[in-house]
PDB file of N, CA and C in Angstrom:
ATOM      1  N   UNK A   1     -20.248  34.672 -78.317  1.00  0.00           N
ATOM      2  CA  UNK A   1     -20.722  35.067 -79.994  1.00  0.00           C
ATOM      3  C   UNK A   1     -18.761  34.266 -80.377  1.00  0.00           C
ATOM      4  N   UNK A   2     -18.740  33.823 -80.752  1.00  0.00           N
ATOM      5  CA  UNK A   2     -17.004  32.772 -80.943  1.00  0.00           C
ATOM      6  C   UNK A   2     -17.290  32.716 -82.668  1.00  0.00           C
ATOM      7  N   UNK A   3     -15.828  34.268 -83.683  1.00  0.00           N
ATOM      8  CA  UNK A   3     -16.151  33.850 -85.087  1.00  0.00           C
ATOM      9  C   UNK A   3     -15.658  32.990 -85.589  1.00  0.00           C
ATOM     10  N   UNK A   4     -14.702  32.728 -85.012  1.00  0.00           N
ATOM     11  CA  UNK A   4     -13.367  31.587 -85.447  1.00  0.00           C
ATOM     12  C   UNK A   4     -13.927  30.367 -86.374  1.00  0.00           C
ATOM     13  N   UNK A   5     -15.241  29.562 -85.709  1.00  0.00           N
ATOM     14  CA  UNK A   5     -15.812  29.066 -86.380  1.00  0.00           C
ATOM     15  C   UNK A   5     -16.631  29.198 -87.714  1.00  0.00           C
ATOM     16  N   UNK A   6     -16.695  30.383 -87.913  1.00  0.00           N
ATOM     17  CA  UNK A   6     -17.276  30.716 -89.320  1.00  0.00           C
ATOM     18  C   UNK A   6     -17.349  31.821 -89.708  1.00  0.00           C
ATOM     19  N   UNK A   7     -16.260  32.397 -89.717  1.00  0.00           N
ATOM     20  CA  UNK A   7     -15.316  33.005 -90.638  1.00  0.00           C
ATOM     21  C   UNK A   7     -15.982  33.779 -92.438  1.00  0.00           C
ATOM     22  N   UNK A   8     -15.378  32.671 -92.712  1.00  0.00           N
ATOM     23  CA  UNK A   8     -16.565  32.748 -94.722  1.00  0.00           C
ATOM     24  C   UNK A   8     -17.485  32.697 -93.975  1.00  0.00           C
ATOM     25  N   UNK A   9     -18.686  33.207 -93.508  1.00  0.00           N
ATOM     26  CA  UNK A   9     -20.421  33.458 -93.285  1.00  0.00           C
ATOM     27  C   UNK A   9     -19.877  34.456 -92.240  1.00  0.00           C
ATOM     28  N   UNK A  10     -19.474  35.381 -91.579  1.00  0.00           N
ATOM     29  CA  UNK A  10     -19.424  36.472 -90.741  1.00  0.00           C
ATOM     30  C   UNK A  10     -19.628  37.770 -91.886  1.00  0.00           C
ATOM     31  N   UNK A  11     -20.558  39.164 -91.637  1.00  0.00           N
ATOM     32  CA  UNK A  11     -20.904  39.545 -92.304  1.00  0.00           C
ATOM     33  C   UNK A  11     -20.560  40.421 -91.166  1.00  0.00           C
ATOM     34  N   UNK A  12     -21.189  42.022 -91.857  1.00  0.00           N
ATOM     35  CA  UNK A  12     -20.991  43.226 -91.052  1.00  0.00           C
ATOM     36  C   UNK A  12     -22.231  43.478 -89.797  1.00  0.00           C
ATOM     37  N   UNK A  13     -23.208  42.673 -90.302  1.00  0.00           N
ATOM     38  CA  UNK A  13     -24.551  42.738 -89.508  1.00  0.00           C
ATOM     39  C   UNK A  13     -24.335  41.630 -88.646  1.00  0.00           C
ATOM     40  N   UNK A  14     -23.624  40.809 -88.713  1.00  0.00           N
ATOM     41  CA  UNK A  14     -23.407  39.709 -88.073  1.00  0.00           C
ATOM     42  C   UNK A  14     -22.060  39.783 -86.754  1.00  0.00           C
ATOM     43  N   UNK A  15     -20.998  41.295 -87.581  1.00  0.00           N
ATOM     44  CA  UNK A  15     -19.756  41.539 -86.805  1.00  0.00           C
ATOM     45  C   UNK A  15     -20.447  42.623 -85.546  1.00  0.00           C
ATOM     46  N   UNK A  16     -21.356  43.565 -86.219  1.00  0.00           N
ATOM     47  CA  UNK A  16     -22.095  44.197 -85.631  1.00  0.00           C
ATOM     48  C   UNK A  16     -22.936  44.052 -84.184  1.00  0.00           C
ATOM     49  N   UNK A  17     -23.717  42.564 -83.968  1.00  0.00           N
ATOM     50  CA  UNK A  17     -24.180  41.909 -83.711  1.00  0.00           C
ATOM     51  C   UNK A  17     -23.218  41.459 -82.003  1.00  0.00           C
ATOM     52  N   UNK A  18     -21.904  41.200 -82.802  1.00  0.00           N
ATOM     53  CA  UNK A  18     -21.160  40.472 -82.217  1.00  0.00           C
ATOM     54  C   UNK A  18     -20.770  41.457 -81.375  1.00  0.00           C
ATOM     55  N   UNK A  19     -20.559  42.837 -81.661  1.00  0.00           N
ATOM     56  CA  UNK A  19     -19.721  43.813 -80.879  1.00  0.00           C
ATOM     57  C   UNK A  19     -21.217  44.585 -80.430  1.00  0.00           C
ATOM     58  N   UNK A  20     -22.123  45.100 -79.919  1.00  0.00           N
ATOM     59  CA  UNK A  20     -22.666  44.882 -79.180  1.00  0.00           C
ATOM     60  C   UNK A  20     -22.801  44.430 -78.001  1.00  0.00           C
ATOM     61  N   UNK A  21     -22.894  42.752 -78.066  1.00  0.00           N
ATOM     62  CA  UNK A  21     -23.376  41.865 -77.020  1.00  0.00           C
ATOM     63  C   UNK A  21     -21.525  42.547 -76.537  1.00  0.00           C
ATOM     64  N   UNK A  22     -20.460  42.560 -76.928  1.00  0.00           N
ATOM     65  CA  UNK A  22     -19.635  42.778 -76.279  1.00  0.00           C
ATOM     66  C   UNK A  22     -19.340  43.719 -75.305  1.00  0.00           C
ATOM     67  N   UNK A  23     -19.789  44.811 -75.966  1.00  0.00           N
ATOM     68  CA  UNK A  23     -20.176  46.402 -75.266  1.00  0.00           C
ATOM     69  C   UNK A  23     -21.184  45.941 -74.183  1.00  0.00           C
ATOM     70  N   UNK A  24     -22.195  45.399 -73.886  1.00  0.00           N
ATOM     71  CA  UNK A  24     -22.959  45.119 -73.398  1.00  0.00           C
ATOM     72  C   UNK A  24     -22.239  44.644 -72.131  1.00  0.00           C
ATOM     73  N   UNK A  25     -21.580  43.238 -72.217  1.00  0.00           N
ATOM     74  CA  UNK A  25     -20.971  42.640 -71.340  1.00  0.00           C
ATOM     75  C   UNK A  25     -19.514  43.268 -71.087  1.00  0.00           C
ATOM     76  N   UNK A  26     -19.298  44.167 -71.463  1.00  0.00           N
ATOM     77  CA  UNK A  26     -17.764  44.335 -70.559  1.00  0.00           C
ATOM     78  C   UNK A  26     -18.652  45.706 -70.236  1.00  0.00           C
ATOM     79  N   UNK A  27     -19.073  46.189 -70.320  1.00  0.00           N
ATOM     80  CA  UNK A  27     -19.938  47.501 -69.817  1.00  0.00           C
ATOM     81  C   UNK A  27     -21.282  46.836 -67.444  1.00  0.00           C
ATOM     82  N   UNK A  28     -21.689  45.309 -68.469  1.00  0.00           N
ATOM     83  CA  UNK A  28     -21.604  44.949 -67.167  1.00  0.00           C
ATOM     84  C   UNK A  28     -20.570  44.367 -66.114  1.00  0.00           C
ATOM     85  N   UNK A  29     -19.742  43.707 -66.581  1.00  0.00           N
ATOM     86  CA  UNK A  29     -18.311  43.881 -66.058  1.00  0.00           C
ATOM     87  C   UNK A  29     -17.916  44.624 -65.381  1.00  0.00           C
ATOM     88  N   UNK A  30     -17.901  45.846 -65.870  1.00  0.00           N
ATOM     89  CA  UNK A  30     -17.098  47.025 -65.244  1.00  0.00           C
ATOM     90  C   UNK A  30     -18.171  47.817 -64.014  1.00  0.00           C
ATOM     91  N   UNK A  31     -19.147  47.470 -63.945  1.00  0.00           N
ATOM     92  CA  UNK A  31     -20.413  47.686 -62.743  1.00  0.00           C
ATOM     93  C   UNK A  31     -19.661  46.550 -62.499  1.00  0.00           C
ATOM     94  N   UNK A  32     -19.593  45.223 -62.041  1.00  0.00           N
ATOM     95  CA  UNK A  32     -19.422  44.306 -61.163  1.00  0.00           C
ATOM     96  C   UNK A  32     -17.689  44.710 -60.679  1.00  0.00           C
ATOM     97  N   UNK A  33     -17.319  44.744 -61.278  1.00  0.00           N
ATOM     98  CA  UNK A  33     -15.852  45.790 -60.478  1.00  0.00           C
ATOM     99  C   UNK A  33     -15.750  46.404 -59.977  1.00  0.00           C
ATOM    100  N   UNK A  34     -16.349  48.087 -60.159  1.00  0.00           N
ATOM    101  CA  UNK A  34     -17.467  48.960 -59.051  1.00  0.00           C
ATOM    102  C   UNK A  34     -17.709  48.429 -58.239  1.00  0.00           C
ATOM    103  N   UNK A  35     -18.685  48.094 -57.918  1.00  0.00           N
ATOM    104  CA  UNK A  35     -19.643  47.041 -56.555  1.00  0.00           C
ATOM    105  C   UNK A  35     -18.466  45.896 -55.670  1.00  0.00           C
ATOM    106  N   UNK A  36     -16.720  45.407 -56.472  1.00  0.00           N
ATOM    107  CA  UNK A  36     -16.109  44.567 -55.624  1.00  0.00           C
ATOM    108  C   UNK A  36     -15.289  45.852 -55.331  1.00  0.00           C
ATOM    109  N   UNK A  37     -15.175  46.906 -55.996  1.00  0.00           N
ATOM    110  CA  UNK A  37     -13.677  47.595 -55.439  1.00  0.00           C
ATOM    111  C   UNK A  37     -14.196  48.373 -53.956  1.00  0.00           C
ATOM    112  N   UNK A  38     -15.626  48.595 -53.842  1.00  0.00           N
ATOM    113  CA  UNK A  38     -16.063  49.414 -53.384  1.00  0.00           C
ATOM    114  C   UNK A  38     -15.948  48.312 -51.339  1.00  0.00           C
ATOM    115  N   UNK A  39     -16.383  46.771 -52.317  1.00  0.00           N
ATOM    116  CA  UNK A  39     -16.412  45.885 -51.047  1.00  0.00           C
ATOM    117  C   UNK A  39     -14.714  45.375 -50.662  1.00  0.00           C
ATOM    118  N   UNK A  40     -14.306  46.394 -51.542  1.00  0.00           N
ATOM    119  CA  UNK A  40     -11.877  45.860 -50.976  1.00  0.00           C
ATOM    120  C   UNK A  40     -11.445  46.105 -50.603  1.00  0.00           C
ATOM    121  N   UNK A  41     -12.393  47.978 -50.110  1.00  0.00           N
ATOM    122  CA  UNK A  41     -11.683  49.114 -49.467  1.00  0.00           C
ATOM    123  C   UNK A  41     -11.070  48.960 -47.993  1.00  0.00           C
ATOM    124  N   UNK A  42     -11.065  47.919 -47.936  1.00  0.00           N
ATOM    125  CA  UNK A  42     -10.636  47.476 -46.638  1.00  0.00           C
ATOM    126  C   UNK A  42      -8.946  47.147 -46.823  1.00  0.00           C
ATOM    127  N   UNK A  43      -8.932  46.514 -48.548  1.00  0.00           N
ATOM    128  CA  UNK A  43      -7.562  46.545 -48.591  1.00  0.00           C
ATOM    129  C   UNK A  43      -7.126  47.827 -49.613  1.00  0.00           C
ATOM    130  N   UNK A  44      -5.830  48.673 -49.767  1.00  0.00           N
ATOM    131  CA  UNK A  44      -6.375  49.398 -50.002  1.00  0.00           C
ATOM    132  C   UNK A  44      -5.439  48.914 -51.984  1.00  0.00           C
ATOM    133  N   UNK A  45      -4.542  47.861 -51.686  1.00  0.00           N
ATOM    134  CA  UNK A  45      -3.587  47.151 -52.822  1.00  0.00           C
ATOM    135  C   UNK A  45      -4.538  46.734 -53.679  1.00  0.00           C
ATOM    136  N   UNK A  46      -5.503  46.320 -53.135  1.00  0.00           N
ATOM    137  CA  UNK A  46      -6.527  44.879 -53.708  1.00  0.00           C
ATOM    138  C   UNK A  46      -7.411  46.033 -54.338  1.00  0.00           C
ATOM    139  N   UNK A  47      -7.794  47.793 -53.669  1.00  0.00           N
ATOM    140  CA  UNK A  47      -8.972  48.190 -54.033  1.00  0.00           C
ATOM    141  C   UNK A  47      -8.369  48.598 -56.016  1.00  0.00           C
ATOM    142  N   UNK A  48      -7.025  48.975 -55.245  1.00  0.00           N
ATOM    143  CA  UNK A  48      -7.045  50.216 -56.702  1.00  0.00           C
ATOM    144  C   UNK A  48      -6.012  48.976 -57.742  1.00  0.00           C
ATOM    145  N   UNK A  49      -6.049  47.847 -57.840  1.00  0.00           N
ATOM    146  CA  UNK A  49      -5.822  46.988 -58.582  1.00  0.00           C
ATOM    147  C   UNK A  49      -7.443  46.801 -59.991  1.00  0.00           C
ATOM    148  N   UNK A  50      -8.289  46.402 -58.422  1.00  0.00           N
ATOM    149  CA  UNK A  50      -9.421  46.548 -58.456  1.00  0.00           C
ATOM    150  C   UNK A  50      -9.791  47.644 -59.659  1.00  0.00           C
ATOM    151  N   UNK A  51     -10.392  48.508 -59.463  1.00  0.00           N
ATOM    152  CA  UNK A  51     -10.065  50.264 -59.560  1.00  0.00           C
ATOM    153  C   UNK A  51      -9.922  49.920 -61.127  1.00  0.00           C
ATOM    154  N   UNK A  52      -7.999  49.909 -61.105  1.00  0.00           N
ATOM    155  CA  UNK A  52      -7.530  50.093 -62.440  1.00  0.00           C
ATOM    156  C   UNK A  52      -8.707  48.906 -63.489  1.00  0.00           C
ATOM    157  N   UNK A  53      -8.833  48.033 -62.807  1.00  0.00           N
ATOM    158  CA  UNK A  53      -9.038  46.687 -64.298  1.00  0.00           C
ATOM    159  C   UNK A  53     -11.014  47.424 -64.206  1.00  0.00           C
ATOM    160  N   UNK A  54     -11.334  47.868 -63.279  1.00  0.00           N
ATOM    161  CA  UNK A  54     -12.897  48.387 -63.304  1.00  0.00           C
ATOM    162  C   UNK A  54     -12.414  49.608 -64.888  1.00  0.00           C
ATOM    163  N   UNK A  55     -11.439  51.059 -65.132  1.00  0.00           N
ATOM    164  CA  UNK A  55     -11.883  51.195 -65.705  1.00  0.00           C
ATOM    165  C   UNK A  55     -10.756  50.764 -67.116  1.00  0.00           C
ATOM    166  N   UNK A  56     -10.200  50.069 -67.280  1.00  0.00           N
ATOM    167  CA  UNK A  56     -10.064  49.436 -68.400  1.00  0.00           C
ATOM    168  C   UNK A  56     -10.889  48.821 -69.045  1.00  0.00           C
ATOM    169  N   UNK A  57     -11.895  47.931 -68.432  1.00  0.00           N
ATOM    170  CA  UNK A  57     -13.012  47.279 -68.859  1.00  0.00           C
ATOM    171  C   UNK A  57     -13.764  48.514 -69.431  1.00  0.00           C
ATOM    172  N   UNK A  58     -13.936  49.157 -68.445  1.00  0.00           N
ATOM    173  CA  UNK A  58     -14.980  50.524 -68.989  1.00  0.00           C
ATOM    174  C   UNK A  58     -14.300  51.313 -70.118  1.00  0.00           C
ATOM    175  N   UNK A  59     -12.863  51.553 -70.196  1.00  0.00           N
ATOM    176  CA  UNK A  59     -12.450  51.693 -71.326  1.00  0.00           C
ATOM    177  C   UNK A  59     -12.650  50.874 -72.822  1.00  0.00           C
ATOM    178  N   UNK A  60     -12.653  49.676 -72.783  1.00  0.00           N
ATOM    179  CA  UNK A  60     -12.790  48.941 -73.623  1.00  0.00           C
ATOM    180  C   UNK A  60     -14.903  48.591 -73.989  1.00  0.00           C
ATOM    181  N   UNK A  61     -15.292  48.975 -73.095  1.00  0.00           N
ATOM    182  CA  UNK A  61     -16.699  49.381 -73.595  1.00  0.00           C
ATOM    183  C   UNK A  61     -17.172  50.314 -74.739  1.00  0.00           C
ATOM    184  N   UNK A  62     -16.402  51.717 -74.090  1.00  0.00           N
ATOM    185  CA  UNK A  62     -16.452  53.093 -74.888  1.00  0.00           C
ATOM    186  C   UNK A  62     -16.217  52.522 -76.285  1.00  0.00           C
ATOM    187  N   UNK A  63     -14.944  52.030 -76.026  1.00  0.00           N
ATOM    188  CA  UNK A  63     -13.949  51.485 -77.603  1.00  0.00           C
ATOM    189  C   UNK A  63     -15.261  50.997 -77.909  1.00  0.00           C
ATOM    190  N   UNK A  64     -15.922  49.887 -78.270  1.00  0.00           N
ATOM    191  CA  UNK A  64     -16.907  48.894 -78.644  1.00  0.00           C
ATOM    192  C   UNK A  64     -17.523  49.809 -79.039  1.00  0.00           C
ATOM    193  N   UNK A  65     -18.423  50.737 -77.904  1.00  0.00           N
ATOM    194  CA  UNK A  65     -19.151  51.188 -78.236  1.00  0.00           C
ATOM    195  C   UNK A  65     -19.305  52.651 -79.634  1.00  0.00           C
ATOM    196  N   UNK A  66     -18.076  52.612 -79.645  1.00  0.00           N
ATOM    197  CA  UNK A  66     -17.685  53.629 -79.962  1.00  0.00           C
ATOM    198  C   UNK A  66     -18.101  53.062 -82.020  1.00  0.00           C
ATOM    199  N   UNK A  67     -17.004  52.000 -81.923  1.00  0.00           N
ATOM    200  CA  UNK A  67     -16.803  51.065 -82.760  1.00  0.00           C
ATOM    201  C   UNK A  67     -18.437  51.235 -83.601  1.00  0.00           C
ATOM    202  N   UNK A  68     -19.529  50.251 -83.084  1.00  0.00           N
ATOM    203  CA  UNK A  68     -20.852  50.125 -83.044  1.00  0.00           C
ATOM    204  C   UNK A  68     -21.191  51.576 -83.715  1.00  0.00           C
ATOM    205  N   UNK A  69     -21.096  52.318 -83.242  1.00  0.00           N
ATOM    206  CA  UNK A  69     -21.821  53.794 -83.760  1.00  0.00           C
ATOM    207  C   UNK A  69     -21.213  53.858 -85.272  1.00  0.00           C
ATOM    208  N   UNK A  70     -19.625  53.563 -85.171  1.00  0.00           N
ATOM    209  CA  UNK A  70     -19.001  54.539 -86.491  1.00  0.00           C
ATOM    210  C   UNK A  70     -19.382  53.419 -87.640  1.00  0.00           C
ATOM    211  N   UNK A  71     -19.835  51.721 -87.566  1.00  0.00           N
ATOM    212  CA  UNK A  71     -20.346  51.050 -88.701  1.00  0.00           C
ATOM    213  C   UNK A  71     -21.656  50.844 -88.206  1.00  0.00           C
ATOM    214  N   UNK A  72     -22.488  51.452 -87.689  1.00  0.00           N
ATOM    215  CA  UNK A  72     -24.162  50.945 -87.876  1.00  0.00           C
ATOM    216  C   UNK A  72     -24.889  52.354 -88.877  1.00  0.00           C
ATOM    217  N   UNK A  73     -24.300  53.266 -89.362  1.00  0.00           N
ATOM    218  CA  UNK A  73     -23.650  54.078 -90.459  1.00  0.00           C
ATOM    219  C   UNK A  73     -25.042  53.509 -91.158  1.00  0.00           C
TER     220      UNK A  73
END
């Protein structure tokens, strides 16, 4: 979802829908990075960096989920 094109028409409901979508996407990306990290075990340097990327993306997903919970009330 791209909001820049409709900034004047963006309301809380559409913003929360976008946050939900991005939360789901980042969670899926983190799952995929976890799988990639396991595949990369033969190269510890790559595996460590992919593991860090997974952790960062998972944290982004958590932040988005908390934001959604905060503003959905």
